[in-house]
Amino acid sequence: MNATVGNIIALCGSCFLTGPHSQMKRMWSDTRRSATIAYLGSLFLTLVVAFAPIPGPKGLMLLFLMIIQYLAITWYCLSYIPYARETVMGCLQRRINGFLDDE
C-alpha cells in the first residue's frame, strides 16, 4: 500500500514539475501509451484489491500488481533514454536464448 501511494505521489510530483498538460501529453504519446496503461491500471487495481472485500488471501495478487507497477514504470522511464528499450530487449533476448540453449 505504501509503495502504491508513493507512486501516486511521485506521479503528482512530476505533474507539478512539468505541468499537467505537458505530463499527460508525454504519458500518452505513442511510445509510452502501453506503459502508461499498464502503470495506471496496476495502480488502480492495487488500490481496488487492497480495499475491496475480496475473499481469500490478497497477498499474492498484490505482489503481482506491484511487480507490474515497477516493470511498467521502468519501461516508461527507459523510453526517455535513447536506445534504452532496444538495449534492454536485446539483453533479455540474449539471456533467454542462452538459457534455452543450455537446456
Protein backbone atom coordinates (compact mmCIF):
# COMPACT_ATOMS: atom_id res chain seq x y z
CA MET A 1 0.00 0.00 0.00
CA ASN A 2 2.81 2.40 0.88
CA ALA A 3 4.56 1.81 -2.43
CA THR A 4 1.36 2.47 -4.41
CA VAL A 5 0.64 5.70 -2.53
CA GLY A 6 4.27 6.69 -3.05
CA ASN A 7 3.96 6.05 -6.79
CA ILE A 8 0.81 8.19 -6.94
CA ILE A 9 2.59 11.00 -5.08
CA ALA A 10 5.56 10.71 -7.47
CA LEU A 11 3.20 10.93 -10.43
CA CYS A 12 1.58 14.05 -8.96
CA GLY A 13 5.04 15.50 -8.30
CA SER A 14 6.08 15.05 -11.92
CA CYS A 15 2.84 16.75 -12.98
CA PHE A 16 3.75 19.64 -10.70
CA LEU A 17 7.24 19.94 -12.18
CA THR A 18 6.35 19.73 -15.86
CA GLY A 19 2.74 20.87 -15.73
CA PRO A 20 -0.28 18.57 -16.03
CA HIS A 21 -0.88 19.22 -19.74
CA SER A 22 2.72 18.54 -20.70
CA GLN A 23 2.87 15.46 -18.49
CA MET A 24 -0.32 13.99 -19.97
CA LYS A 25 0.89 14.74 -23.49
CA ARG A 26 4.14 12.87 -22.83
CA MET A 27 2.47 9.98 -20.99
CA TRP A 28 0.00 9.28 -23.78
CA SER A 29 2.47 9.57 -26.68
CA ASP A 30 2.63 6.54 -28.96
CA THR A 31 5.89 5.25 -27.49
CA ARG A 32 4.69 5.43 -23.88
CA ARG A 33 0.99 4.61 -24.15
CA SER A 34 1.24 0.90 -23.33
CA ALA A 35 3.49 1.52 -20.32
CA THR A 36 1.15 4.26 -19.11
CA ILE A 37 -1.89 2.00 -19.37
CA ALA A 38 -0.10 -0.82 -17.53
CA TYR A 39 1.16 1.56 -14.85
CA LEU A 40 -2.08 3.42 -14.19
CA GLY A 41 -4.09 0.21 -14.45
CA SER A 42 -1.89 -1.57 -11.92
CA LEU A 43 -2.06 1.44 -9.57
CA PHE A 44 -5.85 1.41 -9.74
CA LEU A 45 -6.16 -2.36 -9.40
CA THR A 46 -3.77 -2.40 -6.44
CA LEU A 47 -5.98 0.07 -4.60
CA VAL A 48 -9.12 -1.87 -5.54
CA VAL A 49 -7.67 -5.19 -4.36
CA ALA A 50 -6.31 -3.63 -1.16
CA PHE A 51 -9.61 -2.04 -0.13
CA ALA A 52 -12.29 -4.25 -1.71
CA PRO A 53 -13.77 -7.07 0.34
CA ILE A 54 -12.33 -9.81 -1.85
CA PRO A 55 -12.49 -13.26 -0.24
CA GLY A 56 -9.29 -15.19 0.18
CA PRO A 57 -5.68 -14.10 0.50
CA LYS A 58 -4.81 -10.91 -1.34
CA GLY A 59 -1.05 -11.01 -0.80
CA LEU A 60 -0.10 -12.86 -3.96
CA MET A 61 -2.37 -10.71 -6.12
CA LEU A 62 -0.98 -7.52 -4.58
CA LEU A 63 2.58 -8.75 -5.10
CA PHE A 64 1.82 -9.46 -8.76
CA LEU A 65 0.30 -5.97 -9.19
CA MET A 66 3.33 -4.37 -7.53
CA ILE A 67 5.66 -6.20 -9.90
CA ILE A 68 3.59 -4.91 -12.84
CA GLN A 69 3.79 -1.37 -11.41
CA TYR A 70 7.57 -1.44 -11.21
CA LEU A 71 8.04 -3.09 -14.59
CA ALA A 72 5.69 -0.56 -16.22
CA ILE A 73 7.35 2.48 -14.66
CA THR A 74 10.78 1.11 -15.58
CA TRP A 75 9.69 0.60 -19.19
CA TYR A 76 8.18 4.11 -19.17
CA CYS A 77 11.39 5.69 -17.84
CA LEU A 78 13.52 3.79 -20.36
CA SER A 79 11.55 5.49 -23.13
CA TYR A 80 13.28 8.77 -22.23
CA ILE A 81 16.77 7.32 -22.77
CA PRO A 82 17.82 6.92 -26.42
CA TYR A 83 18.06 3.25 -27.43
CA ALA A 84 17.47 2.07 -23.84
CA ARG A 85 14.43 -0.05 -24.65
CA GLU A 86 16.18 -1.68 -27.60
CA THR A 87 19.24 -2.40 -25.46
CA VAL A 88 17.18 -3.95 -22.65
CA MET A 89 15.18 -6.07 -25.10
CA GLY A 90 18.39 -7.24 -26.79
CA CYS A 91 19.92 -8.22 -23.43
CA LEU A 92 16.77 -10.08 -22.40
CA GLN A 93 16.61 -11.92 -25.72
CA ARG A 94 20.26 -12.97 -25.41
CA ARG A 95 19.68 -14.20 -21.84
CA ILE A 96 16.56 -16.13 -22.83
CA ASN A 97 18.28 -17.63 -25.88
CA GLY A 98 21.29 -18.55 -23.76
CA PHE A 99 19.05 -20.17 -21.19
CA LEU A 100 17.17 -22.14 -23.84
CA ASP A 101 20.43 -23.24 -25.49
CA ASP A 102 21.72 -24.58 -22.17
CA GLU A 103 18.79 -26.98 -21.87
